[in-house]
Amino acid sequence: MSKTFPVLIQQNEDGIYTVECPSIEGCRSSGASVDEAMENIKEHITLCLAVSGNNIEPKTILIGQVVLP
């Protein structure tokens, strides 16, 4: 059975893409491109699931915007 985990991708000041899986504490990775960062986080999530015995469930993540005057 497949699981879908939300991830947050940001580009840092050096142009590197960092990616975090908020459902798994400390699960972060990076890459020179979005594709590379996504492949790296998939590997990291897979390892975290293996260590946990596949007992981690995805969380619902909401992202909003704040408008400042």
N, C-alpha and C. Protein backbone atom coordinates (compact mmCIF):
# COMPACT_ATOMS: atom_id res chain seq x y z
N MET A 1 0.85 -1.19 0.00
CA MET A 1 0.00 0.00 0.00
C MET A 1 0.89 1.25 0.00
N SER A 2 0.61 2.14 -0.89
CA SER A 2 1.45 3.34 -0.97
C SER A 2 0.96 4.41 0.02
N LYS A 3 1.86 5.26 0.41
CA LYS A 3 1.57 6.39 1.29
C LYS A 3 2.07 7.64 0.60
N THR A 4 1.35 8.72 0.76
CA THR A 4 1.76 10.00 0.20
C THR A 4 2.11 10.95 1.33
N PHE A 5 3.35 11.40 1.36
CA PHE A 5 3.81 12.31 2.41
C PHE A 5 3.99 13.71 1.83
N PRO A 6 3.43 14.72 2.49
CA PRO A 6 3.66 16.09 2.03
C PRO A 6 5.10 16.50 2.33
N VAL A 7 5.68 17.29 1.45
CA VAL A 7 7.01 17.83 1.67
C VAL A 7 7.01 19.33 1.38
N LEU A 8 7.92 20.02 2.00
CA LEU A 8 8.10 21.46 1.82
C LEU A 8 9.44 21.68 1.15
N ILE A 9 9.43 22.36 0.02
CA ILE A 9 10.66 22.61 -0.74
C ILE A 9 10.95 24.11 -0.74
N GLN A 10 12.19 24.45 -0.42
CA GLN A 10 12.62 25.85 -0.44
C GLN A 10 13.99 25.92 -1.10
N GLN A 11 14.25 27.03 -1.77
CA GLN A 11 15.57 27.26 -2.34
C GLN A 11 16.31 28.21 -1.42
N ASN A 12 17.51 27.81 -0.98
CA ASN A 12 18.26 28.68 -0.07
C ASN A 12 19.06 29.72 -0.85
N GLU A 13 19.78 30.55 -0.12
CA GLU A 13 20.52 31.67 -0.72
C GLU A 13 21.65 31.21 -1.64
N ASP A 14 22.06 29.96 -1.51
CA ASP A 14 23.12 29.42 -2.35
C ASP A 14 22.57 28.70 -3.59
N GLY A 15 21.25 28.71 -3.75
CA GLY A 15 20.63 28.06 -4.89
C GLY A 15 20.34 26.59 -4.70
N ILE A 16 20.64 26.05 -3.52
CA ILE A 16 20.38 24.64 -3.21
C ILE A 16 18.93 24.50 -2.75
N TYR A 17 18.27 23.44 -3.21
CA TYR A 17 16.90 23.18 -2.80
C TYR A 17 16.91 22.29 -1.56
N THR A 18 16.27 22.76 -0.51
CA THR A 18 16.13 21.96 0.70
C THR A 18 14.69 21.46 0.75
N VAL A 19 14.52 20.25 1.22
CA VAL A 19 13.20 19.65 1.29
C VAL A 19 13.03 18.99 2.65
N GLU A 20 11.84 19.15 3.21
CA GLU A 20 11.54 18.64 4.55
C GLU A 20 10.22 17.90 4.51
N CYS A 21 10.15 16.81 5.23
CA CYS A 21 8.90 16.06 5.39
C CYS A 21 8.38 16.32 6.81
N PRO A 22 7.40 17.21 6.97
CA PRO A 22 6.92 17.57 8.31
C PRO A 22 6.29 16.40 9.08
N SER A 23 5.90 15.35 8.39
CA SER A 23 5.30 14.20 9.08
C SER A 23 6.32 13.40 9.87
N ILE A 24 7.61 13.57 9.53
CA ILE A 24 8.66 12.80 10.18
C ILE A 24 9.68 13.77 10.75
N GLU A 25 9.73 13.85 12.06
CA GLU A 25 10.63 14.80 12.72
C GLU A 25 12.08 14.60 12.27
N GLY A 26 12.70 15.67 11.84
CA GLY A 26 14.11 15.63 11.44
C GLY A 26 14.36 15.10 10.04
N CYS A 27 13.32 14.83 9.28
CA CYS A 27 13.47 14.26 7.94
C CYS A 27 13.65 15.39 6.93
N ARG A 28 14.91 15.63 6.59
CA ARG A 28 15.27 16.72 5.68
C ARG A 28 16.33 16.22 4.70
N SER A 29 16.35 16.84 3.53
CA SER A 29 17.37 16.53 2.55
C SER A 29 17.56 17.74 1.65
N SER A 30 18.38 17.59 0.63
CA SER A 30 18.62 18.71 -0.28
C SER A 30 19.12 18.18 -1.61
N GLY A 31 19.20 19.11 -2.57
CA GLY A 31 19.72 18.75 -3.88
C GLY A 31 19.97 20.00 -4.70
N ALA A 32 20.73 19.83 -5.76
CA ALA A 32 21.06 20.96 -6.65
C ALA A 32 19.86 21.36 -7.51
N SER A 33 18.88 20.47 -7.65
CA SER A 33 17.67 20.76 -8.41
C SER A 33 16.48 20.24 -7.61
N VAL A 34 15.28 20.66 -7.99
CA VAL A 34 14.09 20.15 -7.32
C VAL A 34 13.99 18.64 -7.51
N ASP A 35 14.26 18.15 -8.72
CA ASP A 35 14.20 16.71 -8.97
C ASP A 35 15.17 15.94 -8.08
N GLU A 36 16.39 16.44 -7.96
CA GLU A 36 17.38 15.77 -7.11
C GLU A 36 16.96 15.80 -5.65
N ALA A 37 16.45 16.94 -5.18
CA ALA A 37 16.00 17.05 -3.80
C ALA A 37 14.85 16.08 -3.53
N MET A 38 13.93 15.94 -4.49
CA MET A 38 12.80 15.03 -4.32
C MET A 38 13.26 13.57 -4.28
N GLU A 39 14.20 13.21 -5.13
CA GLU A 39 14.73 11.84 -5.09
C GLU A 39 15.41 11.57 -3.75
N ASN A 40 16.17 12.56 -3.25
CA ASN A 40 16.86 12.40 -1.97
C ASN A 40 15.89 12.26 -0.81
N ILE A 41 14.80 13.05 -0.81
CA ILE A 41 13.86 12.96 0.31
C ILE A 41 13.08 11.64 0.24
N LYS A 42 12.82 11.14 -0.96
CA LYS A 42 12.16 9.83 -1.08
C LYS A 42 13.00 8.75 -0.41
N GLU A 43 14.31 8.78 -0.66
CA GLU A 43 15.21 7.81 -0.03
C GLU A 43 15.20 7.96 1.48
N HIS A 44 15.23 9.21 1.96
CA HIS A 44 15.26 9.46 3.40
C HIS A 44 13.95 9.00 4.05
N ILE A 45 12.82 9.31 3.43
CA ILE A 45 11.53 8.87 3.97
C ILE A 45 11.47 7.35 4.02
N THR A 46 11.93 6.70 2.97
CA THR A 46 11.95 5.23 2.92
C THR A 46 12.78 4.66 4.07
N LEU A 47 13.95 5.25 4.33
CA LEU A 47 14.78 4.79 5.45
C LEU A 47 14.10 5.02 6.79
N CYS A 48 13.47 6.17 6.96
CA CYS A 48 12.76 6.46 8.21
C CYS A 48 11.62 5.48 8.43
N LEU A 49 10.90 5.14 7.37
CA LEU A 49 9.81 4.18 7.50
C LEU A 49 10.35 2.79 7.85
N ALA A 50 11.47 2.42 7.25
CA ALA A 50 12.06 1.11 7.56
C ALA A 50 12.47 1.01 9.02
N VAL A 51 13.08 2.08 9.54
CA VAL A 51 13.52 2.09 10.93
C VAL A 51 12.34 2.05 11.89
N SER A 52 11.25 2.73 11.52
CA SER A 52 10.07 2.80 12.40
C SER A 52 9.18 1.57 12.28
N GLY A 53 9.50 0.66 11.38
CA GLY A 53 8.62 -0.48 11.16
C GLY A 53 7.38 -0.09 10.36
N ASN A 54 7.51 0.96 9.57
CA ASN A 54 6.42 1.47 8.72
C ASN A 54 5.25 2.01 9.54
N ASN A 55 5.54 2.50 10.75
CA ASN A 55 4.50 2.98 11.66
C ASN A 55 4.30 4.49 11.62
N ILE A 56 4.73 5.15 10.58
CA ILE A 56 4.56 6.60 10.47
C ILE A 56 3.45 6.87 9.47
N GLU A 57 2.49 7.68 9.86
CA GLU A 57 1.40 8.05 8.97
C GLU A 57 1.58 9.49 8.52
N PRO A 58 1.24 9.78 7.27
CA PRO A 58 1.33 11.16 6.78
C PRO A 58 0.41 12.07 7.55
N LYS A 59 0.82 13.31 7.74
CA LYS A 59 0.00 14.33 8.39
C LYS A 59 -0.56 15.26 7.33
N THR A 60 -1.70 15.85 7.63
CA THR A 60 -2.23 16.89 6.76
C THR A 60 -1.50 18.18 7.06
N ILE A 61 -0.96 18.81 6.04
CA ILE A 61 -0.21 20.04 6.19
C ILE A 61 -0.95 21.14 5.45
N LEU A 62 -1.25 22.22 6.13
CA LEU A 62 -1.92 23.35 5.52
C LEU A 62 -0.93 24.50 5.40
N ILE A 63 -0.92 25.13 4.25
CA ILE A 63 -0.06 26.29 4.03
C ILE A 63 -0.96 27.45 3.65
N GLY A 64 -0.79 28.54 4.33
CA GLY A 64 -1.59 29.73 4.04
C GLY A 64 -0.69 30.90 3.70
N GLN A 65 -1.31 32.00 3.46
CA GLN A 65 -0.60 33.22 3.16
C GLN A 65 -1.08 34.32 4.10
N VAL A 66 -0.19 35.21 4.43
CA VAL A 66 -0.51 36.37 5.25
C VAL A 66 -0.27 37.61 4.40
N VAL A 67 -1.26 38.47 4.33
CA VAL A 67 -1.13 39.71 3.57
C VAL A 67 -0.86 40.83 4.55
N LEU A 68 0.24 41.52 4.36
CA LEU A 68 0.59 42.64 5.23
C LEU A 68 0.28 43.95 4.50
N PRO A 69 -0.17 44.94 5.26
CA PRO A 69 -0.49 46.23 4.62
C PRO A 69 0.77 46.93 4.14
